[in-house]
Amino acid sequence: MITRRQLQCKRLFDIILVLVLLPLLIVPICLLIIISSIDTKKFGVFSQYRVGQRGKLFKIYKIRTLKEGKHRLGHLDKSATSFGKVLRRTKLDELPQLFNVLKGDMSFVGPRPDVEGFADKLEGDDRIVLLVKPGVTGEATLKYKEEELLLNQQEDPEDYNRRIIWVDKVKINKNYVLNYSFYLDLKLILKSIFDR
């Protein structure tokens, strides 16, 4: 299982890598925020509370991809814009999470941060998943990179997510924590970049 020393080394690696990447990516991030602001007619950064390390809530940052429109029955309808769909498909909407990594809310590799009602409800041995910071990428993230498409094919997406996908993600993330190595993190980062 991951040790305190390994967690410290993991954090040090995150800080070094984010400080290398941010100067290179700050201009593209700002451009995406401007384009998204024009595209969605709202500020181009979206934030939402997610469950983090030890079950603590934090604000995750993403480029805004959804545009609000009035449904004919008067309800608000949120749907991804054409530009937003490209951002989601290429994962460019997640670039602002570099700031989450810098702040220490997230790591480059770990379980994806979920909304309340999932990780915060883990019990028993499953709670070891909360020992590590949530990641920008990870084994479960890579396995379910087409999760949205998969859920859209189900009769009851929410039920399928809770019964099938979430259960499998917990299993994968437990295995990550139990068999952690720095080499594994490097492998997953490279796989995330090149396995598109």
N, C-alpha and C. Protein backbone atom coordinates (compact mmCIF):
# COMPACT_ATOMS: atom_id res chain seq x y z
N MET A 1 0.85 -1.20 0.00
CA MET A 1 0.00 0.00 0.00
C MET A 1 0.88 1.25 0.00
N ILE A 2 0.39 2.31 -0.61
CA ILE A 2 1.14 3.56 -0.70
C ILE A 2 1.53 4.06 0.70
N THR A 3 2.79 4.49 0.83
CA THR A 3 3.31 4.94 2.13
C THR A 3 3.30 6.47 2.21
N ARG A 4 3.52 7.00 3.41
CA ARG A 4 3.57 8.45 3.59
C ARG A 4 4.71 9.05 2.77
N ARG A 5 5.85 8.36 2.76
CA ARG A 5 7.01 8.84 1.98
C ARG A 5 6.68 8.88 0.48
N GLN A 6 6.00 7.85 0.01
CA GLN A 6 5.61 7.83 -1.40
C GLN A 6 4.64 8.97 -1.73
N LEU A 7 3.73 9.26 -0.79
CA LEU A 7 2.80 10.39 -0.99
C LEU A 7 3.56 11.71 -1.08
N GLN A 8 4.61 11.85 -0.25
CA GLN A 8 5.42 13.07 -0.26
C GLN A 8 6.18 13.20 -1.59
N CYS A 9 6.76 12.09 -2.05
CA CYS A 9 7.49 12.09 -3.33
C CYS A 9 6.55 12.37 -4.50
N LYS A 10 5.34 11.82 -4.39
CA LYS A 10 4.31 12.03 -5.42
C LYS A 10 3.97 13.51 -5.50
N ARG A 11 3.82 14.15 -4.35
CA ARG A 11 3.49 15.58 -4.28
C ARG A 11 4.64 16.42 -4.86
N LEU A 12 5.87 16.06 -4.54
CA LEU A 12 7.04 16.78 -5.04
C LEU A 12 7.09 16.69 -6.57
N PHE A 13 6.83 15.50 -7.10
CA PHE A 13 6.81 15.30 -8.55
C PHE A 13 5.71 16.16 -9.19
N ASP A 14 4.54 16.20 -8.56
CA ASP A 14 3.42 17.00 -9.06
C ASP A 14 3.81 18.48 -9.16
N ILE A 15 4.45 18.99 -8.10
CA ILE A 15 4.85 20.41 -8.07
C ILE A 15 5.85 20.71 -9.18
N ILE A 16 6.86 19.85 -9.32
CA ILE A 16 7.89 20.07 -10.36
C ILE A 16 7.25 20.04 -11.75
N LEU A 17 6.42 19.04 -12.00
CA LEU A 17 5.81 18.90 -13.33
C LEU A 17 4.87 20.05 -13.65
N VAL A 18 4.07 20.48 -12.68
CA VAL A 18 3.12 21.57 -12.93
C VAL A 18 3.87 22.89 -13.16
N LEU A 19 5.00 23.09 -12.48
CA LEU A 19 5.79 24.31 -12.67
C LEU A 19 6.49 24.32 -14.03
N VAL A 20 6.75 23.15 -14.57
CA VAL A 20 7.31 23.03 -15.92
C VAL A 20 6.23 23.28 -16.97
N LEU A 21 5.04 22.72 -16.74
CA LEU A 21 3.96 22.79 -17.73
C LEU A 21 3.22 24.13 -17.78
N LEU A 22 3.01 24.76 -16.61
CA LEU A 22 2.19 25.98 -16.57
C LEU A 22 2.72 27.11 -17.46
N PRO A 23 4.03 27.40 -17.44
CA PRO A 23 4.52 28.48 -18.33
C PRO A 23 4.26 28.18 -19.81
N LEU A 24 4.27 26.90 -20.18
CA LEU A 24 4.03 26.50 -21.57
C LEU A 24 2.55 26.55 -21.94
N LEU A 25 1.69 26.29 -20.95
CA LEU A 25 0.26 26.15 -21.24
C LEU A 25 -0.61 27.32 -20.81
N ILE A 26 -0.02 28.31 -20.12
CA ILE A 26 -0.84 29.40 -19.60
C ILE A 26 -1.51 30.21 -20.71
N VAL A 27 -0.79 30.46 -21.82
CA VAL A 27 -1.38 31.21 -22.94
C VAL A 27 -2.51 30.40 -23.61
N PRO A 28 -2.29 29.09 -23.96
CA PRO A 28 -3.40 28.30 -24.50
C PRO A 28 -4.61 28.23 -23.57
N ILE A 29 -4.37 28.11 -22.26
CA ILE A 29 -5.47 28.06 -21.29
C ILE A 29 -6.27 29.37 -21.34
N CYS A 30 -5.56 30.50 -21.34
CA CYS A 30 -6.24 31.81 -21.39
C CYS A 30 -7.04 31.97 -22.68
N LEU A 31 -6.47 31.52 -23.80
CA LEU A 31 -7.18 31.59 -25.09
C LEU A 31 -8.45 30.75 -25.07
N LEU A 32 -8.36 29.54 -24.50
CA LEU A 32 -9.53 28.66 -24.41
C LEU A 32 -10.61 29.27 -23.52
N ILE A 33 -10.18 29.93 -22.46
CA ILE A 33 -11.14 30.59 -21.56
C ILE A 33 -11.87 31.72 -22.29
N ILE A 34 -11.12 32.51 -23.08
CA ILE A 34 -11.72 33.62 -23.84
C ILE A 34 -12.71 33.08 -24.88
N ILE A 35 -12.27 32.06 -25.65
CA ILE A 35 -13.14 31.48 -26.68
C ILE A 35 -14.40 30.88 -26.05
N SER A 36 -14.21 30.17 -24.92
CA SER A 36 -15.34 29.56 -24.23
C SER A 36 -16.31 30.62 -23.69
N SER A 37 -15.76 31.73 -23.21
CA SER A 37 -16.61 32.82 -22.70
C SER A 37 -17.50 33.38 -23.81
N ILE A 38 -16.91 33.54 -25.01
CA ILE A 38 -17.66 34.04 -26.16
C ILE A 38 -18.68 32.98 -26.60
N ASP A 39 -18.23 31.72 -26.63
CA ASP A 39 -19.05 30.61 -27.12
C ASP A 39 -20.27 30.34 -26.23
N THR A 40 -20.06 30.36 -24.91
CA THR A 40 -21.15 30.01 -23.98
C THR A 40 -21.87 31.23 -23.40
N LYS A 41 -21.30 32.43 -23.68
CA LYS A 41 -21.85 33.69 -23.16
C LYS A 41 -21.83 33.74 -21.62
N LYS A 42 -20.90 32.99 -21.04
CA LYS A 42 -20.64 33.03 -19.59
C LYS A 42 -19.13 32.95 -19.41
N PHE A 43 -18.64 33.32 -18.20
CA PHE A 43 -17.20 33.22 -17.96
C PHE A 43 -16.73 31.81 -18.28
N GLY A 44 -15.62 31.70 -19.04
CA GLY A 44 -15.16 30.42 -19.59
C GLY A 44 -14.59 29.41 -18.63
N VAL A 45 -14.56 29.72 -17.33
CA VAL A 45 -14.10 28.73 -16.34
C VAL A 45 -15.29 28.26 -15.53
N PHE A 46 -15.44 26.95 -15.46
CA PHE A 46 -16.52 26.33 -14.70
C PHE A 46 -15.91 25.70 -13.46
N SER A 47 -16.52 25.87 -12.31
CA SER A 47 -16.02 25.22 -11.09
C SER A 47 -17.16 24.46 -10.42
N GLN A 48 -16.80 23.38 -9.75
CA GLN A 48 -17.79 22.52 -9.10
C GLN A 48 -17.13 21.81 -7.94
N TYR A 49 -17.88 21.58 -6.86
CA TYR A 49 -17.30 20.86 -5.72
C TYR A 49 -17.19 19.38 -6.04
N ARG A 50 -16.03 18.81 -5.71
CA ARG A 50 -15.78 17.38 -5.88
C ARG A 50 -15.20 16.82 -4.59
N VAL A 51 -15.25 15.50 -4.45
CA VAL A 51 -14.72 14.84 -3.25
C VAL A 51 -13.24 14.55 -3.47
N GLY A 52 -12.42 15.01 -2.53
CA GLY A 52 -10.98 14.86 -2.65
C GLY A 52 -10.39 13.89 -1.65
N GLN A 53 -9.11 14.06 -1.40
CA GLN A 53 -8.37 13.21 -0.46
C GLN A 53 -9.02 13.27 0.92
N ARG A 54 -9.14 12.11 1.55
CA ARG A 54 -9.76 11.95 2.87
C ARG A 54 -11.22 12.43 2.89
N GLY A 55 -11.85 12.46 1.72
CA GLY A 55 -13.26 12.84 1.64
C GLY A 55 -13.53 14.32 1.72
N LYS A 56 -12.47 15.13 1.71
CA LYS A 56 -12.62 16.59 1.81
C LYS A 56 -13.06 17.17 0.47
N LEU A 57 -14.04 18.07 0.51
CA LEU A 57 -14.53 18.70 -0.72
C LEU A 57 -13.58 19.79 -1.19
N PHE A 58 -13.43 19.93 -2.50
CA PHE A 58 -12.63 21.00 -3.08
C PHE A 58 -13.29 21.43 -4.39
N LYS A 59 -12.90 22.61 -4.87
CA LYS A 59 -13.45 23.13 -6.12
C LYS A 59 -12.54 22.72 -7.27
N ILE A 60 -13.12 22.00 -8.24
CA ILE A 60 -12.39 21.60 -9.44
C ILE A 60 -12.64 22.64 -10.52
N TYR A 61 -11.61 22.90 -11.34
CA TYR A 61 -11.74 23.90 -12.41
C TYR A 61 -11.70 23.23 -13.77
N LYS A 62 -12.58 23.68 -14.66
CA LYS A 62 -12.62 23.20 -16.04
C LYS A 62 -12.97 24.36 -16.96
N ILE A 63 -12.65 24.20 -18.25
CA ILE A 63 -13.12 25.16 -19.24
C ILE A 63 -14.61 24.89 -19.44
N ARG A 64 -15.42 25.94 -19.46
CA ARG A 64 -16.87 25.78 -19.62
C ARG A 64 -17.19 25.23 -21.01
N THR A 65 -18.01 24.19 -21.06
CA THR A 65 -18.37 23.57 -22.34
C THR A 65 -19.88 23.57 -22.60
N LEU A 66 -20.66 23.86 -21.56
CA LEU A 66 -22.12 23.83 -21.70
C LEU A 66 -22.71 25.22 -21.86
N LYS A 67 -23.72 25.30 -22.70
CA LYS A 67 -24.43 26.56 -22.90
C LYS A 67 -25.85 26.39 -22.42
N GLU A 68 -26.32 27.36 -21.65
CA GLU A 68 -27.69 27.30 -21.15
C GLU A 68 -28.64 27.93 -22.16
N GLY A 69 -29.73 27.23 -22.40
CA GLY A 69 -30.75 27.76 -23.31
C GLY A 69 -32.12 27.45 -22.74
N LYS A 70 -33.09 28.23 -23.13
CA LYS A 70 -34.46 28.01 -22.65
C LYS A 70 -35.11 26.86 -23.41
N HIS A 71 -35.61 25.90 -22.67
CA HIS A 71 -36.37 24.80 -23.26
C HIS A 71 -37.76 25.35 -23.60
N ARG A 72 -38.43 24.76 -24.56
CA ARG A 72 -39.75 25.29 -24.96
C ARG A 72 -40.77 25.26 -23.83
N LEU A 73 -40.54 24.41 -22.81
CA LEU A 73 -41.48 24.37 -21.68
C LEU A 73 -41.07 25.35 -20.58
N GLY A 74 -40.01 26.14 -20.88
CA GLY A 74 -39.60 27.16 -19.92
C GLY A 74 -38.47 26.74 -19.00
N HIS A 75 -38.07 25.45 -19.06
CA HIS A 75 -36.98 24.98 -18.21
C HIS A 75 -35.63 25.32 -18.85
N LEU A 76 -34.59 25.40 -17.99
CA LEU A 76 -33.24 25.64 -18.51
C LEU A 76 -32.70 24.34 -19.10
N ASP A 77 -32.15 24.44 -20.29
CA ASP A 77 -31.59 23.27 -20.96
C ASP A 77 -30.10 23.50 -21.13
N LYS A 78 -29.27 22.59 -20.61
CA LYS A 78 -27.82 22.72 -20.74
C LYS A 78 -27.32 21.69 -21.73
N SER A 79 -26.62 22.16 -22.74
CA SER A 79 -26.04 21.22 -23.70
C SER A 79 -24.68 21.74 -24.16
N ALA A 80 -23.79 20.81 -24.52
CA ALA A 80 -22.45 21.18 -24.95
C ALA A 80 -22.51 21.88 -26.30
N THR A 81 -21.75 22.95 -26.43
CA THR A 81 -21.64 23.65 -27.72
C THR A 81 -20.74 22.81 -28.63
N SER A 82 -20.68 23.17 -29.91
CA SER A 82 -19.80 22.45 -30.85
C SER A 82 -18.35 22.55 -30.39
N PHE A 83 -17.95 23.75 -29.97
CA PHE A 83 -16.59 23.95 -29.45
C PHE A 83 -16.40 23.16 -28.16
N GLY A 84 -17.44 23.16 -27.31
CA GLY A 84 -17.40 22.41 -26.05
C GLY A 84 -17.21 20.93 -26.27
N LYS A 85 -17.86 20.39 -27.30
CA LYS A 85 -17.73 18.96 -27.61
C LYS A 85 -16.31 18.61 -28.00
N VAL A 86 -15.67 19.51 -28.75
CA VAL A 86 -14.26 19.30 -29.14
C VAL A 86 -13.38 19.32 -27.90
N LEU A 87 -13.62 20.27 -27.01
CA LEU A 87 -12.85 20.37 -25.77
C LEU A 87 -12.99 19.10 -24.93
N ARG A 88 -14.22 18.60 -24.84
CA ARG A 88 -14.47 17.39 -24.05
C ARG A 88 -13.80 16.17 -24.66
N ARG A 89 -13.91 16.05 -25.99
CA ARG A 89 -13.34 14.89 -26.68
C ARG A 89 -11.82 14.86 -26.55
N THR A 90 -11.19 16.04 -26.63
CA THR A 90 -9.73 16.12 -26.56
C THR A 90 -9.22 16.29 -25.13
N LYS A 91 -10.16 16.43 -24.17
CA LYS A 91 -9.85 16.63 -22.75
C LYS A 91 -9.18 17.98 -22.46
N LEU A 92 -9.21 18.91 -23.44
CA LEU A 92 -8.62 20.23 -23.23
C LEU A 92 -9.39 21.04 -22.20
N ASP A 93 -10.66 20.66 -21.96
CA ASP A 93 -11.45 21.35 -20.94
C ASP A 93 -10.89 21.13 -19.54
N GLU A 94 -10.00 20.14 -19.40
CA GLU A 94 -9.46 19.82 -18.08
C GLU A 94 -8.12 20.51 -17.79
N LEU A 95 -7.61 21.30 -18.73
CA LEU A 95 -6.33 21.99 -18.52
C LEU A 95 -6.28 22.86 -17.25
N PRO A 96 -7.37 23.56 -16.88
CA PRO A 96 -7.31 24.36 -15.65
C PRO A 96 -7.07 23.53 -14.38
N GLN A 97 -7.20 22.21 -14.49
CA GLN A 97 -6.92 21.37 -13.32
C GLN A 97 -5.44 21.39 -12.94
N LEU A 98 -4.60 21.97 -13.80
CA LEU A 98 -3.20 22.19 -13.43
C LEU A 98 -3.14 23.07 -12.18
N PHE A 99 -4.09 24.01 -12.06
CA PHE A 99 -4.13 24.87 -10.88
C PHE A 99 -4.59 24.09 -9.65
N ASN A 100 -5.46 23.09 -9.85
CA ASN A 100 -5.85 22.20 -8.75
C ASN A 100 -4.65 21.40 -8.26
N VAL A 101 -3.80 20.97 -9.21
CA VAL A 101 -2.59 20.23 -8.85
C VAL A 101 -1.64 21.15 -8.09
N LEU A 102 -1.47 22.37 -8.59
CA LEU A 102 -0.58 23.33 -7.94
C LEU A 102 -1.04 23.64 -6.51
N LYS A 103 -2.36 23.79 -6.34
CA LYS A 103 -2.93 24.07 -5.01
C LYS A 103 -2.80 22.89 -4.06
N GLY A 104 -2.66 21.68 -4.62
CA GLY A 104 -2.56 20.49 -3.76
C GLY A 104 -3.87 19.76 -3.58
N ASP A 105 -4.91 20.17 -4.32
CA ASP A 105 -6.20 19.47 -4.26
C ASP A 105 -6.16 18.17 -5.04
N MET A 106 -5.34 18.18 -6.12
CA MET A 106 -5.27 17.04 -7.01
C MET A 106 -3.83 16.64 -7.29
N SER A 107 -3.68 15.47 -7.90
CA SER A 107 -2.38 14.97 -8.35
C SER A 107 -2.51 14.73 -9.85
N PHE A 108 -1.39 14.54 -10.53
CA PHE A 108 -1.49 14.21 -11.96
C PHE A 108 -2.13 12.84 -12.15
N VAL A 109 -1.85 11.92 -11.23
CA VAL A 109 -2.40 10.57 -11.34
C VAL A 109 -3.13 10.19 -10.06
N GLY A 110 -4.31 9.59 -10.23
CA GLY A 110 -5.10 9.14 -9.09
C GLY A 110 -6.52 8.87 -9.55
N PRO A 111 -7.40 8.51 -8.63
CA PRO A 111 -8.81 8.30 -8.99
C PRO A 111 -9.42 9.62 -9.44
N ARG A 112 -10.30 9.59 -10.42
CA ARG A 112 -10.96 10.83 -10.85
C ARG A 112 -11.82 11.36 -9.71
N PRO A 113 -11.81 12.69 -9.50
CA PRO A 113 -12.63 13.26 -8.43
C PRO A 113 -14.12 13.22 -8.80
N ASP A 114 -14.91 12.63 -7.94
CA ASP A 114 -16.34 12.49 -8.22
C ASP A 114 -17.15 13.52 -7.45
N VAL A 115 -18.38 13.71 -7.90
CA VAL A 115 -19.32 14.55 -7.18
C VAL A 115 -19.73 13.81 -5.90
N GLU A 116 -20.33 14.53 -4.97
CA GLU A 116 -20.78 13.90 -3.72
C GLU A 116 -21.77 12.77 -4.02
N GLY A 117 -21.73 11.77 -3.16
CA GLY A 117 -22.65 10.65 -3.31
C GLY A 117 -21.95 9.39 -3.80
N PHE A 118 -20.65 9.50 -4.07
CA PHE A 118 -19.88 8.34 -4.52
C PHE A 118 -18.71 8.08 -3.58
N ALA A 119 -17.55 8.72 -3.83
CA ALA A 119 -16.36 8.46 -3.02
C ALA A 119 -16.58 8.75 -1.53
N ASP A 120 -17.38 9.77 -1.24
CA ASP A 120 -17.63 10.12 0.17
C ASP A 120 -18.50 9.07 0.87
N LYS A 121 -19.12 8.17 0.11
CA LYS A 121 -19.98 7.13 0.69
C LYS A 121 -19.27 5.77 0.78
N LEU A 122 -17.98 5.73 0.40
CA LEU A 122 -17.25 4.47 0.46
C LEU A 122 -17.16 3.96 1.90
N GLU A 123 -17.16 2.63 2.03
CA GLU A 123 -17.10 2.02 3.37
C GLU A 123 -16.02 0.95 3.42
N GLY A 124 -15.58 0.62 4.66
CA GLY A 124 -14.63 -0.46 4.88
C GLY A 124 -13.33 -0.29 4.11
N ASP A 125 -12.85 -1.39 3.52
CA ASP A 125 -11.58 -1.39 2.78
C ASP A 125 -11.60 -0.45 1.58
N ASP A 126 -12.79 -0.20 1.04
CA ASP A 126 -12.89 0.67 -0.13
C ASP A 126 -12.40 2.09 0.15
N ARG A 127 -12.40 2.47 1.43
CA ARG A 127 -12.01 3.85 1.79
C ARG A 127 -10.53 4.12 1.58
N ILE A 128 -9.73 3.08 1.29
CA ILE A 128 -8.30 3.34 1.02
C ILE A 128 -8.13 4.19 -0.24
N VAL A 129 -9.14 4.21 -1.09
CA VAL A 129 -9.11 5.04 -2.29
C VAL A 129 -8.93 6.52 -1.90
N LEU A 130 -9.44 6.90 -0.72
CA LEU A 130 -9.37 8.28 -0.26
C LEU A 130 -8.01 8.66 0.33
N LEU A 131 -7.08 7.71 0.38
CA LEU A 131 -5.73 8.00 0.90
C LEU A 131 -4.95 8.89 -0.07
N VAL A 132 -5.28 8.79 -1.35
CA VAL A 132 -4.54 9.56 -2.36
C VAL A 132 -5.38 10.72 -2.88
N LYS A 133 -4.70 11.72 -3.41
CA LYS A 133 -5.41 12.84 -4.03
C LYS A 133 -6.04 12.37 -5.34
N PRO A 134 -7.18 12.93 -5.69
CA PRO A 134 -7.77 12.58 -6.99
C PRO A 134 -6.82 13.02 -8.11
N GLY A 135 -6.91 12.36 -9.26
CA GLY A 135 -5.97 12.63 -10.34
C GLY A 135 -6.60 13.22 -11.59
N VAL A 136 -5.77 13.93 -12.35
CA VAL A 136 -6.17 14.41 -13.66
C VAL A 136 -6.38 13.21 -14.58
N THR A 137 -5.54 12.18 -14.38
CA THR A 137 -5.70 10.93 -15.11
C THR A 137 -5.49 9.77 -14.15
N GLY A 138 -5.73 8.56 -14.64
CA GLY A 138 -5.57 7.37 -13.81
C GLY A 138 -6.02 6.15 -14.58
N GLU A 139 -5.85 4.99 -13.97
CA GLU A 139 -6.21 3.74 -14.65
C GLU A 139 -7.70 3.68 -14.99
N ALA A 140 -8.54 4.04 -14.04
CA ALA A 140 -9.99 4.00 -14.28
C ALA A 140 -10.39 5.06 -15.32
N THR A 141 -9.75 6.22 -15.28
CA THR A 141 -10.03 7.28 -16.25
C THR A 141 -9.73 6.80 -17.66
N LEU A 142 -8.60 6.11 -17.82
CA LEU A 142 -8.21 5.61 -19.14
C LEU A 142 -9.14 4.50 -19.61
N LYS A 143 -9.53 3.63 -18.69
CA LYS A 143 -10.43 2.54 -19.08
C LYS A 143 -11.79 3.07 -19.53
N TYR A 144 -12.26 4.12 -18.83
CA TYR A 144 -13.59 4.66 -19.12
C TYR A 144 -13.50 6.02 -19.82
N LYS A 145 -12.55 6.17 -20.74
CA LYS A 145 -12.42 7.45 -21.43
C LYS A 145 -13.63 7.73 -22.33
N GLU A 146 -14.37 6.68 -22.69
CA GLU A 146 -15.59 6.85 -23.49
C GLU A 146 -16.84 6.65 -22.61
N GLU A 147 -16.72 7.00 -21.34
CA GLU A 147 -17.81 6.77 -20.38
C GLU A 147 -19.12 7.45 -20.78
N GLU A 148 -19.03 8.68 -21.25
CA GLU A 148 -20.24 9.42 -21.63
C GLU A 148 -20.99 8.69 -22.75
N LEU A 149 -20.24 8.20 -23.72
CA LEU A 149 -20.82 7.45 -24.84
C LEU A 149 -21.46 6.15 -24.35
N LEU A 150 -20.75 5.47 -23.45
CA LEU A 150 -21.23 4.21 -22.87
C LEU A 150 -22.53 4.42 -22.11
N LEU A 151 -22.59 5.48 -21.31
CA LEU A 151 -23.79 5.78 -20.52
C LEU A 151 -24.97 6.16 -21.41
N ASN A 152 -24.69 6.85 -22.50
CA ASN A 152 -25.76 7.25 -23.42
C ASN A 152 -26.42 6.06 -24.11
N GLN A 153 -25.73 4.92 -24.09
CA GLN A 153 -26.27 3.71 -24.73
C GLN A 153 -27.15 2.89 -23.78
N GLN A 154 -27.21 3.30 -22.50
CA GLN A 154 -27.96 2.54 -21.50
C GLN A 154 -29.38 3.07 -21.34
N GLU A 155 -30.28 2.16 -21.00
CA GLU A 155 -31.68 2.55 -20.74
C GLU A 155 -31.78 3.44 -19.51
N ASP A 156 -31.02 3.06 -18.46
CA ASP A 156 -30.99 3.84 -17.22
C ASP A 156 -29.52 4.15 -16.90
N PRO A 157 -28.98 5.24 -17.47
CA PRO A 157 -27.56 5.57 -17.30
C PRO A 157 -27.11 5.69 -15.84
N GLU A 158 -27.96 6.31 -15.00
CA GLU A 158 -27.58 6.51 -13.60
C GLU A 158 -27.45 5.17 -12.87
N ASP A 159 -28.39 4.27 -13.11
CA ASP A 159 -28.35 2.94 -12.48
C ASP A 159 -27.14 2.14 -12.98
N TYR A 160 -26.88 2.22 -14.27
CA TYR A 160 -25.73 1.49 -14.85
C TYR A 160 -24.42 2.03 -14.28
N ASN A 161 -24.37 3.33 -14.13
CA ASN A 161 -23.16 3.94 -13.56
C ASN A 161 -22.91 3.46 -12.13
N ARG A 162 -23.96 3.45 -11.32
CA ARG A 162 -23.81 3.04 -9.91
C ARG A 162 -23.53 1.55 -9.75
N ARG A 163 -24.21 0.72 -10.54
CA ARG A 163 -24.09 -0.74 -10.38
C ARG A 163 -22.87 -1.34 -11.07
N ILE A 164 -22.49 -0.79 -12.22
CA ILE A 164 -21.43 -1.40 -13.03
C ILE A 164 -20.14 -0.56 -13.04
N ILE A 165 -20.24 0.66 -13.59
CA ILE A 165 -19.03 1.47 -13.76
C ILE A 165 -18.39 1.86 -12.44
N TRP A 166 -19.20 2.38 -11.51
CA TRP A 166 -18.65 2.85 -10.23
C TRP A 166 -17.99 1.71 -9.46
N VAL A 167 -18.63 0.56 -9.42
CA VAL A 167 -18.09 -0.61 -8.71
C VAL A 167 -16.73 -1.01 -9.31
N ASP A 168 -16.64 -1.00 -10.63
CA ASP A 168 -15.39 -1.34 -11.31
C ASP A 168 -14.32 -0.29 -11.05
N LYS A 169 -14.70 0.98 -11.04
CA LYS A 169 -13.75 2.06 -10.77
C LYS A 169 -13.14 1.93 -9.36
N VAL A 170 -13.98 1.60 -8.40
CA VAL A 170 -13.50 1.43 -7.02
C VAL A 170 -12.46 0.31 -6.98
N LYS A 171 -12.75 -0.80 -7.65
CA LYS A 171 -11.84 -1.94 -7.70
C LYS A 171 -10.49 -1.53 -8.33
N ILE A 172 -10.55 -0.82 -9.45
CA ILE A 172 -9.34 -0.35 -10.13
C ILE A 172 -8.55 0.60 -9.24
N ASN A 173 -9.24 1.55 -8.61
CA ASN A 173 -8.57 2.55 -7.78
C ASN A 173 -7.98 1.95 -6.50
N LYS A 174 -8.64 0.94 -5.94
CA LYS A 174 -8.08 0.23 -4.78
C LYS A 174 -6.77 -0.45 -5.18
N ASN A 175 -6.78 -1.08 -6.34
CA ASN A 175 -5.60 -1.76 -6.85
C ASN A 175 -4.45 -0.77 -7.06
N TYR A 176 -4.77 0.44 -7.51
CA TYR A 176 -3.77 1.49 -7.71
C TYR A 176 -3.11 1.86 -6.39
N VAL A 177 -3.92 2.08 -5.36
CA VAL A 177 -3.39 2.47 -4.04
C VAL A 177 -2.57 1.33 -3.42
N LEU A 178 -3.06 0.10 -3.55
CA LEU A 178 -2.38 -1.06 -2.97
C LEU A 178 -1.07 -1.39 -3.67
N ASN A 179 -0.98 -1.11 -4.97
CA ASN A 179 0.21 -1.48 -5.76
C ASN A 179 0.93 -0.26 -6.33
N TYR A 180 0.86 0.86 -5.60
CA TYR A 180 1.41 2.11 -6.10
C TYR A 180 2.93 2.03 -6.33
N SER A 181 3.35 2.66 -7.42
CA SER A 181 4.79 2.89 -7.66
C SER A 181 4.93 4.14 -8.51
N PHE A 182 6.06 4.80 -8.38
CA PHE A 182 6.33 6.00 -9.18
C PHE A 182 6.35 5.65 -10.67
N TYR A 183 6.87 4.47 -10.97
CA TYR A 183 6.92 3.99 -12.35
C TYR A 183 5.51 3.88 -12.93
N LEU A 184 4.56 3.42 -12.11
CA LEU A 184 3.17 3.29 -12.56
C LEU A 184 2.60 4.66 -12.91
N ASP A 185 2.89 5.68 -12.09
CA ASP A 185 2.42 7.03 -12.37
C ASP A 185 2.96 7.53 -13.72
N LEU A 186 4.25 7.34 -13.95
CA LEU A 186 4.87 7.76 -15.20
C LEU A 186 4.23 7.06 -16.39
N LYS A 187 4.01 5.75 -16.22
CA LYS A 187 3.40 4.94 -17.28
C LYS A 187 2.00 5.46 -17.62
N LEU A 188 1.21 5.79 -16.59
CA LEU A 188 -0.16 6.27 -16.81
C LEU A 188 -0.19 7.66 -17.43
N ILE A 189 0.77 8.52 -17.06
CA ILE A 189 0.86 9.86 -17.66
C ILE A 189 1.17 9.72 -19.15
N LEU A 190 2.17 8.89 -19.48
CA LEU A 190 2.55 8.70 -20.89
C LEU A 190 1.42 8.08 -21.69
N LYS A 191 0.73 7.12 -21.07
CA LYS A 191 -0.40 6.47 -21.75
C LYS A 191 -1.51 7.48 -22.03
N SER A 192 -1.74 8.40 -21.08
CA SER A 192 -2.77 9.43 -21.24
C SER A 192 -2.43 10.37 -22.39
N ILE A 193 -1.14 10.65 -22.58
CA ILE A 193 -0.71 11.57 -23.64
C ILE A 193 -0.76 10.90 -25.01
N PHE A 194 -0.26 9.67 -25.09
CA PHE A 194 -0.06 9.04 -26.39
C PHE A 194 -1.14 8.05 -26.81
N ASP A 195 -1.94 7.57 -25.85
CA ASP A 195 -2.97 6.58 -26.20
C ASP A 195 -4.30 7.28 -26.45
N ARG A 196 -4.42 7.96 -27.55
CA ARG A 196 -5.63 8.74 -27.87
C ARG A 196 -6.44 8.04 -28.94
